[in-house]
Amino acid sequence: MPYAAAAGGADAADAAPINLEPVRQNIDAQVEASFTLIPPALG
């Protein structure tokens, strides 16, 4: 049973400690944007 502590099979101290440290993730994003509308002539 994966939740033995919740079911009363083991104490919370016997369960695996929960890692509260944030996980660092490197995200590489490439955005390709093109504008098809011709801007109005200003003046």
PDB file of N, CA and C in Angstrom:
ATOM      1  N   MET A   1       0.861  -1.190   0.000  1.00  0.00           N
ATOM      2  CA  MET A   1       0.000   0.000   0.000  1.00  0.00           C
ATOM      3  C   MET A   1       0.897   1.239   0.000  1.00  0.00           C
ATOM      4  N   PRO A   2       0.788   2.095  -0.991  1.00  0.00           N
ATOM      5  CA  PRO A   2       1.697   3.246  -1.063  1.00  0.00           C
ATOM      6  C   PRO A   2       1.435   4.282   0.017  1.00  0.00           C
ATOM      7  N   TYR A   3       0.216   4.344   0.534  1.00  0.00           N
ATOM      8  CA  TYR A   3      -0.103   5.324   1.560  1.00  0.00           C
ATOM      9  C   TYR A   3      -0.261   4.609   2.894  1.00  0.00           C
ATOM     10  N   ALA A   4       0.820   3.995   3.339  1.00  0.00           N
ATOM     11  CA  ALA A   4       0.757   3.234   4.583  1.00  0.00           C
ATOM     12  C   ALA A   4       0.600   4.168   5.779  1.00  0.00           C
ATOM     13  N   ALA A   5       1.201   5.353   5.715  1.00  0.00           N
ATOM     14  CA  ALA A   5       1.107   6.281   6.840  1.00  0.00           C
ATOM     15  C   ALA A   5      -0.323   6.787   6.989  1.00  0.00           C
ATOM     16  N   ALA A   6      -1.008   7.003   5.890  1.00  0.00           N
ATOM     17  CA  ALA A   6      -2.382   7.492   5.961  1.00  0.00           C
ATOM     18  C   ALA A   6      -3.321   6.389   6.430  1.00  0.00           C
ATOM     19  N   ALA A   7      -2.972   5.145   6.130  1.00  0.00           N
ATOM     20  CA  ALA A   7      -3.823   4.027   6.513  1.00  0.00           C
ATOM     21  C   ALA A   7      -3.538   3.565   7.934  1.00  0.00           C
ATOM     22  N   GLY A   8      -2.524   4.120   8.573  1.00  0.00           N
ATOM     23  CA  GLY A   8      -2.206   3.734   9.935  1.00  0.00           C
ATOM     24  C   GLY A   8      -1.207   2.593  10.002  1.00  0.00           C
ATOM     25  N   GLY A   9      -0.634   2.196   8.886  1.00  0.00           N
ATOM     26  CA  GLY A   9       0.329   1.103   8.885  1.00  0.00           C
ATOM     27  C   GLY A   9       1.706   1.537   9.349  1.00  0.00           C
ATOM     28  N   ALA A  10       2.001   2.831   9.272  1.00  0.00           N
ATOM     29  CA  ALA A  10       3.307   3.329   9.689  1.00  0.00           C
ATOM     30  C   ALA A  10       3.154   4.764  10.166  1.00  0.00           C
ATOM     31  N   ASP A  11       4.132   5.182  10.965  1.00  0.00           N
ATOM     32  CA  ASP A  11       4.107   6.565  11.424  1.00  0.00           C
ATOM     33  C   ASP A  11       4.599   7.492  10.317  1.00  0.00           C
ATOM     34  N   ALA A  12       4.328   8.778  10.486  1.00  0.00           N
ATOM     35  CA  ALA A  12       4.771   9.745   9.485  1.00  0.00           C
ATOM     36  C   ALA A  12       6.294   9.844   9.465  1.00  0.00           C
ATOM     37  N   ALA A  13       6.937   9.553  10.613  1.00  0.00           N
ATOM     38  CA  ALA A  13       8.393   9.622  10.662  1.00  0.00           C
ATOM     39  C   ALA A  13       9.024   8.482   9.870  1.00  0.00           C
ATOM     40  N   ASP A  14       8.305   7.379   9.705  1.00  0.00           N
ATOM     41  CA  ASP A  14       8.844   6.245   8.968  1.00  0.00           C
ATOM     42  C   ASP A  14       8.680   6.418   7.460  1.00  0.00           C
ATOM     43  N   ALA A  15       7.810   7.323   7.054  1.00  0.00           N
ATOM     44  CA  ALA A  15       7.595   7.527   5.625  1.00  0.00           C
ATOM     45  C   ALA A  15       8.764   8.312   5.045  1.00  0.00           C
ATOM     46  N   ALA A  16       8.882   8.272   3.723  1.00  0.00           N
ATOM     47  CA  ALA A  16       9.957   9.002   3.064  1.00  0.00           C
ATOM     48  C   ALA A  16       9.737  10.498   3.239  1.00  0.00           C
ATOM     49  N   PRO A  17      10.806  11.228   3.543  1.00  0.00           N
ATOM     50  CA  PRO A  17      10.650  12.685   3.716  1.00  0.00           C
ATOM     51  C   PRO A  17      10.289  13.350   2.392  1.00  0.00           C
ATOM     52  N   ILE A  18       9.493  14.388   2.498  1.00  0.00           N
ATOM     53  CA  ILE A  18       9.065  15.105   1.303  1.00  0.00           C
ATOM     54  C   ILE A  18      10.060  16.219   1.032  1.00  0.00           C
ATOM     55  N   ASN A  19      10.570  16.249  -0.184  1.00  0.00           N
ATOM     56  CA  ASN A  19      11.524  17.279  -0.566  1.00  0.00           C
ATOM     57  C   ASN A  19      10.763  18.541  -0.918  1.00  0.00           C
ATOM     58  N   LEU A  20      10.957  19.582  -0.116  1.00  0.00           N
ATOM     59  CA  LEU A  20      10.251  20.840  -0.338  1.00  0.00           C
ATOM     60  C   LEU A  20      11.071  21.829  -1.155  1.00  0.00           C
ATOM     61  N   GLU A  21      12.269  21.420  -1.563  1.00  0.00           N
ATOM     62  CA  GLU A  21      13.094  22.312  -2.375  1.00  0.00           C
ATOM     63  C   GLU A  21      12.517  22.390  -3.784  1.00  0.00           C
ATOM     64  N   PRO A  22      12.469  23.587  -4.346  1.00  0.00           N
ATOM     65  CA  PRO A  22      11.953  23.711  -5.716  1.00  0.00           C
ATOM     66  C   PRO A  22      12.896  23.052  -6.717  1.00  0.00           C
ATOM     67  N   VAL A  23      12.314  22.453  -7.710  1.00  0.00           N
ATOM     68  CA  VAL A  23      13.103  21.781  -8.739  1.00  0.00           C
ATOM     69  C   VAL A  23      13.445  22.799  -9.814  1.00  0.00           C
ATOM     70  N   ARG A  24      14.737  22.926 -10.069  1.00  0.00           N
ATOM     71  CA  ARG A  24      15.163  23.888 -11.091  1.00  0.00           C
ATOM     72  C   ARG A  24      15.011  23.245 -12.469  1.00  0.00           C
ATOM     73  N   GLN A  25      14.337  23.970 -13.341  1.00  0.00           N
ATOM     74  CA  GLN A  25      14.137  23.476 -14.696  1.00  0.00           C
ATOM     75  C   GLN A  25      14.604  24.536 -15.675  1.00  0.00           C
ATOM     76  N   ASN A  26      15.407  24.097 -16.637  1.00  0.00           N
ATOM     77  CA  ASN A  26      15.856  25.004 -17.683  1.00  0.00           C
ATOM     78  C   ASN A  26      14.945  24.837 -18.881  1.00  0.00           C
ATOM     79  N   ILE A  27      14.299  25.923 -19.271  1.00  0.00           N
ATOM     80  CA  ILE A  27      13.361  25.876 -20.384  1.00  0.00           C
ATOM     81  C   ILE A  27      13.922  26.727 -21.510  1.00  0.00           C
ATOM     82  N   ASP A  28      14.125  26.090 -22.657  1.00  0.00           N
ATOM     83  CA  ASP A  28      14.582  26.807 -23.844  1.00  0.00           C
ATOM     84  C   ASP A  28      13.401  26.965 -24.780  1.00  0.00           C
ATOM     85  N   ALA A  29      13.038  28.214 -25.033  1.00  0.00           N
ATOM     86  CA  ALA A  29      11.886  28.484 -25.890  1.00  0.00           C
ATOM     87  C   ALA A  29      12.333  29.349 -27.058  1.00  0.00           C
ATOM     88  N   GLN A  30      11.843  28.996 -28.229  1.00  0.00           N
ATOM     89  CA  GLN A  30      12.127  29.783 -29.427  1.00  0.00           C
ATOM     90  C   GLN A  30      10.801  30.199 -30.036  1.00  0.00           C
ATOM     91  N   VAL A  31      10.635  31.494 -30.184  1.00  0.00           N
ATOM     92  CA  VAL A  31       9.374  32.025 -30.695  1.00  0.00           C
ATOM     93  C   VAL A  31       9.640  32.673 -32.044  1.00  0.00           C
ATOM     94  N   GLU A  32       8.872  32.231 -33.019  1.00  0.00           N
ATOM     95  CA  GLU A  32       8.968  32.844 -34.341  1.00  0.00           C
ATOM     96  C   GLU A  32       7.647  33.542 -34.622  1.00  0.00           C
ATOM     97  N   ALA A  33       7.708  34.867 -34.707  1.00  0.00           N
ATOM     98  CA  ALA A  33       6.497  35.644 -34.928  1.00  0.00           C
ATOM     99  C   ALA A  33       6.663  36.477 -36.189  1.00  0.00           C
ATOM    100  N   SER A  34       5.623  36.503 -36.980  1.00  0.00           N
ATOM    101  CA  SER A  34       5.640  37.334 -38.183  1.00  0.00           C
ATOM    102  C   SER A  34       4.328  38.097 -38.254  1.00  0.00           C
ATOM    103  N   PHE A  35       4.434  39.354 -38.631  1.00  0.00           N
ATOM    104  CA  PHE A  35       3.258  40.209 -38.715  1.00  0.00           C
ATOM    105  C   PHE A  35       2.908  40.405 -40.188  1.00  0.00           C
ATOM    106  N   THR A  36       1.694  40.068 -40.533  1.00  0.00           N
ATOM    107  CA  THR A  36       1.287  40.147 -41.929  1.00  0.00           C
ATOM    108  C   THR A  36       0.537  41.436 -42.234  1.00  0.00           C
ATOM    109  N   LEU A  37       0.122  42.177 -41.211  1.00  0.00           N
ATOM    110  CA  LEU A  37      -0.606  43.420 -41.454  1.00  0.00           C
ATOM    111  C   LEU A  37       0.381  44.546 -41.726  1.00  0.00           C
ATOM    112  N   ILE A  38       0.072  45.349 -42.717  1.00  0.00           N
ATOM    113  CA  ILE A  38       0.933  46.484 -43.048  1.00  0.00           C
ATOM    114  C   ILE A  38       0.541  47.657 -42.149  1.00  0.00           C
ATOM    115  N   PRO A  39       1.489  48.216 -41.415  1.00  0.00           N
ATOM    116  CA  PRO A  39       1.141  49.323 -40.525  1.00  0.00           C
ATOM    117  C   PRO A  39       0.729  50.548 -41.336  1.00  0.00           C
ATOM    118  N   PRO A  40      -0.171  51.350 -40.814  1.00  0.00           N
ATOM    119  CA  PRO A  40      -0.608  52.544 -41.549  1.00  0.00           C
ATOM    120  C   PRO A  40       0.499  53.588 -41.616  1.00  0.00           C
ATOM    121  N   ALA A  41       0.503  54.326 -42.675  1.00  0.00           N
ATOM    122  CA  ALA A  41       1.497  55.392 -42.837  1.00  0.00           C
ATOM    123  C   ALA A  41       1.139  56.549 -41.910  1.00  0.00           C
ATOM    124  N   LEU A  42       2.025  56.844 -40.998  1.00  0.00           N
ATOM    125  CA  LEU A  42       1.774  57.915 -40.029  1.00  0.00           C
ATOM    126  C   LEU A  42       2.430  59.193 -40.541  1.00  0.00           C
ATOM    127  N   GLY A  43       1.634  60.102 -41.071  1.00  0.00           N
ATOM    128  CA  GLY A  43       2.142  61.374 -41.579  1.00  0.00           C
ATOM    129  C   GLY A  43       2.721  61.196 -42.948  1.00  0.00           C
TER     130      GLY A  43
END
